C-alpha atoms as a PDB file:
ATOM      1  CA  MET A   1      70.303  21.765 -57.754  1.00  0.00           C
ATOM      2  CA  ASN A   2      73.318  21.570 -60.059  1.00  0.00           C
ATOM      3  CA  TYR A   3      75.572  20.601 -57.172  1.00  0.00           C
ATOM      4  CA  ILE A   4      73.492  17.461 -56.667  1.00  0.00           C
ATOM      5  CA  ILE A   5      74.128  16.273 -60.212  1.00  0.00           C
ATOM      6  CA  ALA A   6      77.809  17.199 -60.085  1.00  0.00           C
ATOM      7  CA  THR A   7      78.481  15.483 -56.783  1.00  0.00           C
ATOM      8  CA  TYR A   8      76.621  12.322 -57.776  1.00  0.00           C
ATOM      9  CA  LEU A   9      78.557  12.181 -61.054  1.00  0.00           C
ATOM     10  CA  ALA A  10      81.802  12.557 -59.110  1.00  0.00           C
ATOM     11  CA  ARG A  11      80.706   9.762 -56.771  1.00  0.00           C
ATOM     12  CA  PHE A  12      79.987   7.586 -59.802  1.00  0.00           C
ATOM     13  CA  VAL A  13      83.483   8.258 -61.153  1.00  0.00           C
ATOM     14  CA  GLY A  14      84.912   7.281 -57.773  1.00  0.00           C
ATOM     15  CA  ILE A  15      82.971   4.015 -57.870  1.00  0.00           C
ATOM     16  CA  LEU A  16      84.141   3.370 -61.436  1.00  0.00           C
ATOM     17  CA  LEU A  17      87.710   3.619 -60.186  1.00  0.00           C
ATOM     18  CA  LEU A  18      87.013   1.361 -57.217  1.00  0.00           C
ATOM     19  CA  VAL A  19      85.567  -1.546 -59.165  1.00  0.00           C
ATOM     20  CA  PRO A  20      88.756  -2.425 -61.114  1.00  0.00           C
ATOM     21  CA  ALA A  21      90.787  -1.941 -57.945  1.00  0.00           C
ATOM     22  CA  ILE A  22      88.634  -4.396 -56.002  1.00  0.00           C
ATOM     23  CA  PHE A  23      88.185  -6.935 -58.841  1.00  0.00           C
ATOM     24  CA  PRO A  24      91.361  -6.670 -60.956  1.00  0.00           C
ATOM     25  CA  SER A  25      91.005 -10.191 -62.367  1.00  0.00           C
ATOM     26  CA  LEU A  26      87.906  -9.110 -64.310  1.00  0.00           C
ATOM     27  CA  PHE A  27      89.713  -6.216 -65.992  1.00  0.00           C
ATOM     28  CA  ILE A  28      93.189  -7.651 -66.709  1.00  0.00           C
ATOM     29  CA  ASN A  29      92.244  -8.409 -70.342  1.00  0.00           C
ATOM     30  CA  TRP A  30      91.413  -4.753 -70.963  1.00  0.00           C
ATOM     31  CA  PHE A  31      94.032  -3.193 -68.685  1.00  0.00           C
ATOM     32  CA  PRO A  32      97.127  -5.414 -68.387  1.00  0.00           C
ATOM     33  CA  GLY A  33      98.733  -2.949 -65.967  1.00  0.00           C
ATOM     34  CA  LEU A  34      96.351  -4.115 -63.233  1.00  0.00           C
ATOM     35  CA  GLU A  35      98.467  -7.236 -62.746  1.00  0.00           C
ATOM     36  CA  ASP A  36     100.709  -5.047 -60.627  1.00  0.00           C
ATOM     37  CA  ARG A  37      98.992  -4.700 -57.243  1.00  0.00           C
ATOM     38  CA  ARG A  38     100.405  -1.189 -56.770  1.00  0.00           C
ATOM     39  CA  ALA A  39      98.255   0.025 -59.665  1.00  0.00           C
ATOM     40  CA  SER A  40      95.196  -1.424 -57.966  1.00  0.00           C
ATOM     41  CA  TRP A  41      96.049   0.351 -54.728  1.00  0.00           C
ATOM     42  CA  VAL A  42      96.472   3.644 -56.558  1.00  0.00           C
ATOM     43  CA  LEU A  43      93.084   3.227 -58.239  1.00  0.00           C
ATOM     44  CA  PHE A  44      91.565   2.313 -54.890  1.00  0.00           C
ATOM     45  CA  ALA A  45      93.047   5.359 -53.136  1.00  0.00           C
ATOM     46  CA  VAL A  46      92.018   7.744 -55.922  1.00  0.00           C
ATOM     47  CA  GLY A  47      88.505   6.271 -56.068  1.00  0.00           C
ATOM     48  CA  ILE A  48      88.016   6.584 -52.306  1.00  0.00           C
ATOM     49  CA  THR A  49      89.388  10.139 -52.338  1.00  0.00           C
ATOM     50  CA  ILE A  50      87.077  11.236 -55.153  1.00  0.00           C
ATOM     51  CA  TYR A  51      84.045   9.586 -53.560  1.00  0.00           C
ATOM     52  CA  ALA A  52      84.756  11.031 -50.114  1.00  0.00           C
ATOM     53  CA  GLY A  53      85.476  14.492 -51.529  1.00  0.00           C
ATOM     54  CA  ALA A  54      82.232  14.506 -53.498  1.00  0.00           C
ATOM     55  CA  SER A  55      80.285  13.368 -50.436  1.00  0.00           C
ATOM     56  CA  ILE A  56      81.801  16.113 -48.296  1.00  0.00           C
ATOM     57  CA  ALA A  57      81.138  18.720 -50.989  1.00  0.00           C
ATOM     58  CA  TYR A  58      77.515  17.568 -51.252  1.00  0.00           C
ATOM     59  CA  HIS A  59      76.946  17.982 -47.528  1.00  0.00           C
ATOM     60  CA  ILE A  60      78.612  21.416 -47.476  1.00  0.00           C
ATOM     61  CA  PHE A  61      76.523  22.659 -50.422  1.00  0.00           C
ATOM     62  CA  ARG A  62      73.365  21.154 -48.924  1.00  0.00           C
ATOM     63  CA  LYS A  63      73.984  22.913 -45.605  1.00  0.00           C
ATOM     64  CA  LYS A  64      74.435  26.224 -47.397  1.00  0.00           C
ATOM     65  CA  GLU A  65      71.244  25.719 -49.399  1.00  0.00           C
ATOM     66  CA  LEU A  66      69.231  24.802 -46.313  1.00  0.00           C
ATOM     67  CA  ALA A  67      70.569  27.870 -44.498  1.00  0.00           C
ATOM     68  CA  ARG A  68      69.638  30.046 -47.476  1.00  0.00           C
ATOM     69  CA  ARG A  69      66.131  28.557 -47.601  1.00  0.00           C
ATOM     70  CA  SER A  70      65.559  29.090 -43.900  1.00  0.00           C
ATOM     71  CA  ALA A  71      66.767  32.692 -44.225  1.00  0.00           C
ATOM     72  CA  GLU A  72      64.326  33.232 -47.085  1.00  0.00           C
ATOM     73  CA  LYS A  73      61.477  31.807 -45.016  1.00  0.00           C
ATOM     74  CA  GLU A  74      62.314  34.149 -42.139  1.00  0.00           C
ATOM     75  CA  ASP A  75      62.266  37.133 -44.510  1.00  0.00           C
ATOM     76  CA  ILE A  76      58.753  36.305 -45.689  1.00  0.00           C
END
């Protein structure tokens, strides 16, 4: 169950990085470095990578848990 919380938190972090990359005009007052479009692309790439990695990890852990549960049911 802990993997669910961890992967959803990682997905949330990925989304938090995507929002300033997609809407840099809203965040220029707080982060003046976003005026440079390369910074936005880096945030976008990192956000997508984190989100995709967390999604893949979630599915891998879920598959393992389902396999473990089915093995336990067969043992009973």
